[in-house]
Amino acid sequence: MPFRTFIVSDEYFNGFTVSINVKPGSTLQIIIDKVKKSLIEHLTSLNLDMLIKRAEDIVWHIHNMGLDDIIDTDQEVYVCTHCRQ
């Protein structure tokens, strides 16, 4: 089960990086939810309430990569909030 590095691309959270174990049965949405949860946990530990609210409200996505692409690559994967798919 490969660990992959995910990096947030966003106006406020740009560069936030987390390593996630991509398990069998994972979906892009499960991965996005894990990235989001990790960011919110870090913000919560610092009591950054306004940023927590912003992170909760963002529509997150991974584009130009499917689940098989993520599993088959060692490259960093970007979770984007800037644009719509």
Protein backbone atom coordinates (compact mmCIF):
# COMPACT_ATOMS: atom_id res chain seq x y z
CA MET A 1 0.00 0.00 0.00
CA PRO A 2 1.83 3.06 -1.23
CA PHE A 3 2.23 6.27 0.71
CA ARG A 4 1.95 9.29 -1.53
CA THR A 5 2.72 12.95 -0.91
CA PHE A 6 -0.15 15.38 -1.42
CA ILE A 7 0.37 19.14 -1.57
CA VAL A 8 -2.37 21.74 -1.30
CA SER A 9 -2.51 24.43 -3.97
CA ASP A 10 -4.59 27.27 -2.50
CA GLU A 11 -4.41 30.99 -1.78
CA TYR A 12 -4.22 30.49 2.01
CA PHE A 13 -2.98 26.91 2.47
CA ASN A 14 -0.55 26.66 -0.43
CA GLY A 15 2.24 24.21 0.30
CA PHE A 16 0.53 22.27 3.09
CA THR A 17 1.92 18.77 2.60
CA VAL A 18 0.75 15.44 3.95
CA SER A 19 1.70 11.83 3.26
CA ILE A 20 -1.27 9.50 2.87
CA ASN A 21 -1.41 5.74 2.59
CA VAL A 22 -3.42 5.06 -0.57
CA LYS A 23 -5.21 1.85 0.37
CA PRO A 24 -7.12 -0.54 -1.88
CA GLY A 25 -10.66 0.72 -2.22
CA SER A 26 -9.57 4.35 -1.95
CA THR A 27 -11.20 6.92 -4.19
CA LEU A 28 -10.12 10.41 -5.15
CA GLN A 29 -12.78 11.76 -2.75
CA ILE A 30 -11.46 9.65 0.14
CA ILE A 31 -7.96 10.99 -0.51
CA ILE A 32 -9.20 14.59 -0.72
CA ASP A 33 -11.14 14.12 2.53
CA LYS A 34 -7.98 12.84 4.26
CA VAL A 35 -5.93 15.82 3.05
CA LYS A 36 -8.66 18.19 4.22
CA LYS A 37 -8.99 16.42 7.58
CA SER A 38 -5.24 16.59 8.17
CA LEU A 39 -5.15 20.32 7.39
CA ILE A 40 -8.11 21.01 9.67
CA GLU A 41 -6.51 18.98 12.49
CA HIS A 42 -3.33 21.07 12.20
CA LEU A 43 -5.31 24.31 12.17
CA THR A 44 -7.36 23.13 15.16
CA SER A 45 -4.22 22.37 17.17
CA LEU A 46 -3.23 26.01 16.63
CA ASN A 47 -6.71 27.39 17.42
CA LEU A 48 -6.98 29.07 14.00
CA ASP A 49 -10.77 29.18 13.92
CA MET A 50 -11.21 31.48 10.91
CA LEU A 51 -8.86 29.38 8.81
CA ILE A 52 -10.63 26.20 9.95
CA LYS A 53 -13.91 27.64 8.66
CA ARG A 54 -12.29 28.52 5.34
CA ALA A 55 -10.78 25.03 4.99
CA GLU A 56 -14.17 23.45 5.72
CA ASP A 57 -15.92 25.56 3.06
CA ILE A 58 -13.47 24.98 0.20
CA VAL A 59 -14.32 22.75 -2.75
CA TRP A 60 -11.21 20.58 -3.18
CA HIS A 61 -10.24 18.46 -6.17
CA ILE A 62 -7.46 16.58 -7.88
CA HIS A 63 -7.33 17.06 -11.61
CA ASN A 64 -5.32 15.49 -14.40
CA MET A 65 -4.79 12.34 -12.31
CA GLY A 66 -6.94 9.33 -11.60
CA LEU A 67 -6.52 6.88 -8.75
CA ASP A 68 -4.40 4.50 -10.84
CA ASP A 69 -2.12 7.40 -11.81
CA ILE A 70 -1.63 8.27 -8.13
CA ILE A 71 -0.84 4.66 -7.22
CA ASP A 72 1.57 4.24 -10.14
CA THR A 73 3.60 7.41 -9.57
CA ASP A 74 6.14 8.53 -7.01
CA GLN A 75 5.48 12.17 -7.90
CA GLU A 76 3.80 14.63 -5.58
CA VAL A 77 0.08 15.04 -6.17
CA TYR A 78 -1.56 18.47 -5.94
CA VAL A 79 -4.94 18.99 -4.32
CA CYS A 80 -6.29 22.15 -5.87
CA THR A 81 -8.83 24.68 -4.68
CA HIS A 82 -8.34 27.40 -7.29
CA CYS A 83 -10.35 26.21 -10.22
CA ARG A 84 -13.38 24.16 -11.12
CA GLN A 85 -13.04 20.91 -13.01
